Amino acid sequence: MSARLASSGGDLARAEPMMRVALVIPSDRAASGVRPDATGPALAEALRAWPAEVIACEVVPDEKDAIRGRIVRFADELGADLVLVAGGTGLGPRDVTPEATREAIEREVPGIAETIRAKGLTCTPNAILSRAVAGVRGRTLVIDLPGSPRGAVESLSFVAASIPHAVEILHGGTG
């Protein structure tokens, strides 16, 4: 993570690490303009409570190449510490996010997706239908989330405490 100066009330407070976060929102309907994207803004709002900067948010169609391409670009070219992919993790015929994510990452981190599914069961029995994955590409953590605004934000909250530590380790920290 890069160090950025955090300010409080206009005064320079302290150097605080800022996590660089990119959002990928796979949605045929939002990508074609049939409906506005509500998930990206909901995640961006939730991330305001973190020491995080949303460096990109793109809506793409539910197409494996488009999803994989954004993950790769955000990790490799933009240097995102965290890429959140919200949508396309279910059983529908166009739900291809897990396949795209697997092609983009180098190593899986199964505990993240397992935790999201397990804690998600406290909210809905349908959490077990999620095929979401999580993993690492270079120094970037990639996490698939549900596509609904509420589901995405809740799922992120289930694993939020471990994300800064994971990013620190990916950047060479010893924890």
Foldseek 3Di string as FASTA:
>chain_A
DDWDFDDDPPHGDDTDDAAEEEEEEAAQCCVVPVDPAPQVVLVVVLCVVPSYDHPYYDYDYLDLVVLLVVVQCCCPVVVGQEYEYAALFFDDPSSCNQVSVVVNADFWDAVLLVQLLVVCCVVPVCSVRGNWTWHHHQLHTYTYFYNDNVRRSVSCVSCVVCSVVSSCVSVPDPD
